[in-house]
Amino acid sequence: MNCDCIIGALMLTTTLIGFGFTYYGIIKNRKSSQIQNILRLKKQLLDFETIHAKLLPGGEWSNPDFSLETDITNSDFSLLNAYLGFFEVCFLMINEKELTEKEFRIFLLYRLKNIFYNKSIMNYINTHPHDWHVLLKLFEKFQLKTTQTPL
């Protein structure tokens, strides 16, 4: 009986150690996956550098008189729509736990705020809420209320 207890204890210890290594591997793999997701997102952002530059404070579109109706090319309008769609994908990634809110805040929130504080773009989004309902949810998630007055 003593041998059975010792063998049982050794098997339990071995099993617990195995679970520990498995858990560690899962956590490490998940963190690695999240890092890979961030790197992929940052790489995709390179496609939108011209839009991002125009939205920056002091950028071409930061002028309060800027209008999507008169001051933007068709090419830039198409790229802007893709950029807005990029943020919708980020919202879905957050909901699926592929991207954490902390990571979004660190790497992407300032870009979202540049969109949010552009009066003309927000007017466009707010007049087409059925097209941008996911983006509007992202604004809400990060406490950017679409009823706020842009700067």
C-alpha atoms as a PDB file:
ATOM      1  CA  MET A   1       0.000   0.000   0.000  1.00  0.00           C
ATOM      2  CA  ASN A   2       2.862   2.377   0.759  1.00  0.00           C
ATOM      3  CA  CYS A   3       4.266   1.805  -2.716  1.00  0.00           C
ATOM      4  CA  ASP A   4       0.852   2.568  -4.260  1.00  0.00           C
ATOM      5  CA  CYS A   5       0.668   5.846  -2.360  1.00  0.00           C
ATOM      6  CA  ILE A   6       4.168   6.837  -3.417  1.00  0.00           C
ATOM      7  CA  ILE A   7       3.483   5.907  -7.050  1.00  0.00           C
ATOM      8  CA  GLY A   8       0.161   7.785  -6.943  1.00  0.00           C
ATOM      9  CA  ALA A   9       1.852  10.852  -5.474  1.00  0.00           C
ATOM     10  CA  LEU A  10       4.587  10.715  -8.136  1.00  0.00           C
ATOM     11  CA  MET A  11       1.992  10.376 -10.915  1.00  0.00           C
ATOM     12  CA  LEU A  12       0.001  13.296  -9.501  1.00  0.00           C
ATOM     13  CA  THR A  13       3.157  15.408  -9.228  1.00  0.00           C
ATOM     14  CA  THR A  14       4.170  14.512 -12.785  1.00  0.00           C
ATOM     15  CA  THR A  15       0.676  15.332 -14.051  1.00  0.00           C
ATOM     16  CA  LEU A  16       0.654  18.694 -12.253  1.00  0.00           C
ATOM     17  CA  ILE A  17       4.085  19.558 -13.640  1.00  0.00           C
ATOM     18  CA  GLY A  18       2.846  18.607 -17.117  1.00  0.00           C
ATOM     19  CA  PHE A  19      -0.214  20.831 -16.695  1.00  0.00           C
ATOM     20  CA  GLY A  20       2.064  23.639 -15.525  1.00  0.00           C
ATOM     21  CA  PHE A  21       4.257  23.373 -18.616  1.00  0.00           C
ATOM     22  CA  THR A  22       1.199  23.160 -20.866  1.00  0.00           C
ATOM     23  CA  TYR A  23      -0.359  26.222 -19.247  1.00  0.00           C
ATOM     24  CA  TYR A  24       2.919  28.138 -19.538  1.00  0.00           C
ATOM     25  CA  GLY A  25       3.164  27.159 -23.213  1.00  0.00           C
ATOM     26  CA  ILE A  26      -0.396  28.289 -23.908  1.00  0.00           C
ATOM     27  CA  ILE A  27       0.145  31.644 -22.186  1.00  0.00           C
ATOM     28  CA  LYS A  28       3.470  32.192 -23.947  1.00  0.00           C
ATOM     29  CA  ASN A  29       1.953  31.228 -27.313  1.00  0.00           C
ATOM     30  CA  ARG A  30      -1.004  33.563 -26.772  1.00  0.00           C
ATOM     31  CA  LYS A  31       1.287  36.479 -25.895  1.00  0.00           C
ATOM     32  CA  SER A  32       3.429  35.710 -28.938  1.00  0.00           C
ATOM     33  CA  SER A  33       0.278  35.648 -31.074  1.00  0.00           C
ATOM     34  CA  GLN A  34      -0.810  39.029 -29.696  1.00  0.00           C
ATOM     35  CA  ILE A  35       2.605  40.501 -30.443  1.00  0.00           C
ATOM     36  CA  GLN A  36       2.411  39.110 -33.984  1.00  0.00           C
ATOM     37  CA  ASN A  37      -1.046  40.694 -34.362  1.00  0.00           C
ATOM     38  CA  ILE A  38       0.311  44.079 -33.287  1.00  0.00           C
ATOM     39  CA  LEU A  39       3.207  43.806 -35.715  1.00  0.00           C
ATOM     40  CA  ARG A  40       0.815  42.907 -38.544  1.00  0.00           C
ATOM     41  CA  LEU A  41      -1.427  45.851 -37.677  1.00  0.00           C
ATOM     42  CA  LYS A  42       1.536  48.224 -37.600  1.00  0.00           C
ATOM     43  CA  LYS A  43       2.642  46.900 -40.982  1.00  0.00           C
ATOM     44  CA  GLN A  44      -0.862  47.467 -42.391  1.00  0.00           C
ATOM     45  CA  LEU A  45      -0.783  51.030 -41.084  1.00  0.00           C
ATOM     46  CA  LEU A  46       2.011  51.773 -43.538  1.00  0.00           C
ATOM     47  CA  ASP A  47      -0.654  51.655 -46.263  1.00  0.00           C
ATOM     48  CA  PHE A  48      -2.371  54.604 -44.583  1.00  0.00           C
ATOM     49  CA  GLU A  49       0.593  56.866 -43.843  1.00  0.00           C
ATOM     50  CA  THR A  50      -0.585  59.618 -46.200  1.00  0.00           C
ATOM     51  CA  ILE A  51      -4.027  59.683 -44.551  1.00  0.00           C
ATOM     52  CA  HIS A  52      -2.475  59.577 -41.097  1.00  0.00           C
ATOM     53  CA  ALA A  53      -0.142  62.482 -41.931  1.00  0.00           C
ATOM     54  CA  LYS A  54      -3.058  64.564 -43.204  1.00  0.00           C
ATOM     55  CA  LEU A  55      -5.016  63.900 -39.990  1.00  0.00           C
ATOM     56  CA  LEU A  56      -2.171  64.811 -37.628  1.00  0.00           C
ATOM     57  CA  PRO A  57      -2.388  68.135 -35.779  1.00  0.00           C
ATOM     58  CA  GLY A  58      -0.971  70.636 -38.237  1.00  0.00           C
ATOM     59  CA  GLY A  59      -1.672  68.231 -41.105  1.00  0.00           C
ATOM     60  CA  GLU A  60      -3.495  69.160 -44.271  1.00  0.00           C
ATOM     61  CA  TRP A  61      -6.862  67.958 -42.940  1.00  0.00           C
ATOM     62  CA  SER A  62      -6.524  69.374 -39.412  1.00  0.00           C
ATOM     63  CA  ASN A  63      -7.653  72.796 -40.636  1.00  0.00           C
ATOM     64  CA  PRO A  64     -11.128  73.494 -39.169  1.00  0.00           C
ATOM     65  CA  ASP A  65     -12.249  74.628 -42.628  1.00  0.00           C
ATOM     66  CA  PHE A  66     -11.337  71.270 -44.189  1.00  0.00           C
ATOM     67  CA  SER A  67     -14.274  69.638 -45.964  1.00  0.00           C
ATOM     68  CA  LEU A  68     -14.565  66.101 -47.301  1.00  0.00           C
ATOM     69  CA  GLU A  69     -16.878  67.467 -49.949  1.00  0.00           C
ATOM     70  CA  THR A  70     -14.437  69.932 -51.491  1.00  0.00           C
ATOM     71  CA  ASP A  71     -10.915  69.302 -50.191  1.00  0.00           C
ATOM     72  CA  ILE A  72     -10.264  65.630 -50.885  1.00  0.00           C
ATOM     73  CA  THR A  73      -9.444  63.600 -53.982  1.00  0.00           C
ATOM     74  CA  ASN A  74     -11.361  60.446 -54.891  1.00  0.00           C
ATOM     75  CA  SER A  75      -8.210  58.452 -54.252  1.00  0.00           C
ATOM     76  CA  ASP A  76      -7.787  59.909 -50.755  1.00  0.00           C
ATOM     77  CA  PHE A  77     -11.499  59.424 -50.024  1.00  0.00           C
ATOM     78  CA  SER A  78     -11.193  55.759 -50.941  1.00  0.00           C
ATOM     79  CA  LEU A  79      -8.088  55.406 -48.787  1.00  0.00           C
ATOM     80  CA  LEU A  80      -9.807  57.211 -45.897  1.00  0.00           C
ATOM     81  CA  ASN A  81     -12.685  54.732 -46.064  1.00  0.00           C
ATOM     82  CA  ALA A  82     -10.213  51.850 -45.958  1.00  0.00           C
ATOM     83  CA  TYR A  83      -8.484  53.500 -42.968  1.00  0.00           C
ATOM     84  CA  LEU A  84     -11.795  53.806 -41.142  1.00  0.00           C
ATOM     85  CA  GLY A  85     -12.457  50.152 -41.966  1.00  0.00           C
ATOM     86  CA  PHE A  86      -9.071  49.256 -40.490  1.00  0.00           C
ATOM     87  CA  PHE A  87     -10.305  50.573 -37.139  1.00  0.00           C
ATOM     88  CA  GLU A  88     -13.472  48.518 -37.447  1.00  0.00           C
ATOM     89  CA  VAL A  89     -11.276  45.436 -37.792  1.00  0.00           C
ATOM     90  CA  CYS A  90      -9.417  46.526 -34.646  1.00  0.00           C
ATOM     91  CA  PHE A  91     -12.735  46.679 -32.789  1.00  0.00           C
ATOM     92  CA  LEU A  92     -13.537  43.127 -33.849  1.00  0.00           C
ATOM     93  CA  MET A  93     -10.053  41.995 -32.801  1.00  0.00           C
ATOM     94  CA  ILE A  94     -10.568  43.541 -29.367  1.00  0.00           C
ATOM     95  CA  ASN A  95     -13.900  41.757 -29.000  1.00  0.00           C
ATOM     96  CA  GLU A  96     -12.306  38.455 -30.013  1.00  0.00           C
ATOM     97  CA  LYS A  97      -9.413  39.070 -27.587  1.00  0.00           C
ATOM     98  CA  GLU A  98      -6.909  39.115 -30.443  1.00  0.00           C
ATOM     99  CA  LEU A  99      -5.946  42.642 -29.408  1.00  0.00           C
ATOM    100  CA  THR A 100      -6.221  44.004 -25.877  1.00  0.00           C
ATOM    101  CA  GLU A 101      -7.653  47.397 -25.033  1.00  0.00           C
ATOM    102  CA  LYS A 102      -4.298  48.271 -23.450  1.00  0.00           C
ATOM    103  CA  GLU A 103      -2.478  47.468 -26.697  1.00  0.00           C
ATOM    104  CA  PHE A 104      -4.987  49.502 -28.675  1.00  0.00           C
ATOM    105  CA  ARG A 105      -4.540  52.452 -26.314  1.00  0.00           C
ATOM    106  CA  ILE A 106      -0.752  52.274 -26.630  1.00  0.00           C
ATOM    107  CA  PHE A 107      -0.444  51.818 -30.390  1.00  0.00           C
ATOM    108  CA  LEU A 108      -3.638  53.100 -32.032  1.00  0.00           C
ATOM    109  CA  LEU A 109      -5.829  55.314 -29.864  1.00  0.00           C
ATOM    110  CA  TYR A 110      -4.065  58.545 -30.853  1.00  0.00           C
ATOM    111  CA  ARG A 111      -4.829  57.745 -34.499  1.00  0.00           C
ATOM    112  CA  LEU A 112      -8.487  57.115 -33.666  1.00  0.00           C
ATOM    113  CA  LYS A 113      -8.603  60.444 -31.826  1.00  0.00           C
ATOM    114  CA  ASN A 114      -7.197  62.216 -34.898  1.00  0.00           C
ATOM    115  CA  ILE A 115     -10.178  60.858 -36.821  1.00  0.00           C
ATOM    116  CA  PHE A 116     -12.602  61.682 -34.019  1.00  0.00           C
ATOM    117  CA  TYR A 117     -11.517  65.292 -33.716  1.00  0.00           C
ATOM    118  CA  ASN A 118     -11.826  65.943 -37.449  1.00  0.00           C
ATOM    119  CA  LYS A 119     -15.187  67.694 -37.763  1.00  0.00           C
ATOM    120  CA  SER A 120     -15.727  66.919 -41.441  1.00  0.00           C
ATOM    121  CA  ILE A 121     -14.903  63.217 -41.106  1.00  0.00           C
ATOM    122  CA  MET A 122     -17.112  62.858 -38.033  1.00  0.00           C
ATOM    123  CA  ASN A 123     -19.932  64.584 -39.878  1.00  0.00           C
ATOM    124  CA  TYR A 124     -19.518  62.002 -42.658  1.00  0.00           C
ATOM    125  CA  ILE A 125     -19.499  59.103 -40.171  1.00  0.00           C
ATOM    126  CA  ASN A 126     -22.485  60.449 -38.237  1.00  0.00           C
ATOM    127  CA  THR A 127     -24.545  60.997 -41.396  1.00  0.00           C
ATOM    128  CA  HIS A 128     -23.894  57.356 -42.409  1.00  0.00           C
ATOM    129  CA  PRO A 129     -24.243  55.514 -39.074  1.00  0.00           C
ATOM    130  CA  HIS A 130     -25.478  52.314 -40.735  1.00  0.00           C
ATOM    131  CA  ASP A 131     -22.194  52.147 -42.677  1.00  0.00           C
ATOM    132  CA  TRP A 132     -20.011  52.943 -39.683  1.00  0.00           C
ATOM    133  CA  HIS A 133     -21.842  51.335 -36.762  1.00  0.00           C
ATOM    134  CA  VAL A 134     -18.779  49.251 -35.802  1.00  0.00           C
ATOM    135  CA  LEU A 135     -16.526  52.319 -35.863  1.00  0.00           C
ATOM    136  CA  LEU A 136     -19.071  54.203 -33.745  1.00  0.00           C
ATOM    137  CA  LYS A 137     -18.951  51.333 -31.223  1.00  0.00           C
ATOM    138  CA  LEU A 138     -15.169  51.678 -31.126  1.00  0.00           C
ATOM    139  CA  PHE A 139     -15.464  55.407 -30.366  1.00  0.00           C
ATOM    140  CA  GLU A 140     -17.897  54.542 -27.594  1.00  0.00           C
ATOM    141  CA  LYS A 141     -15.638  51.799 -26.197  1.00  0.00           C
ATOM    142  CA  PHE A 142     -12.863  54.348 -25.752  1.00  0.00           C
ATOM    143  CA  GLN A 143     -15.255  56.958 -24.394  1.00  0.00           C
ATOM    144  CA  LEU A 144     -15.171  59.204 -27.416  1.00  0.00           C
ATOM    145  CA  LYS A 145     -18.758  60.385 -27.494  1.00  0.00           C
ATOM    146  CA  THR A 146     -19.960  61.346 -30.947  1.00  0.00           C
ATOM    147  CA  THR A 147     -22.028  64.077 -29.343  1.00  0.00           C
ATOM    148  CA  GLN A 148     -18.831  65.794 -28.091  1.00  0.00           C
ATOM    149  CA  THR A 149     -17.805  68.903 -29.916  1.00  0.00           C
ATOM    150  CA  PRO A 150     -14.588  68.234 -31.848  1.00  0.00           C
ATOM    151  CA  LEU A 151     -11.653  70.502 -31.021  1.00  0.00           C
END
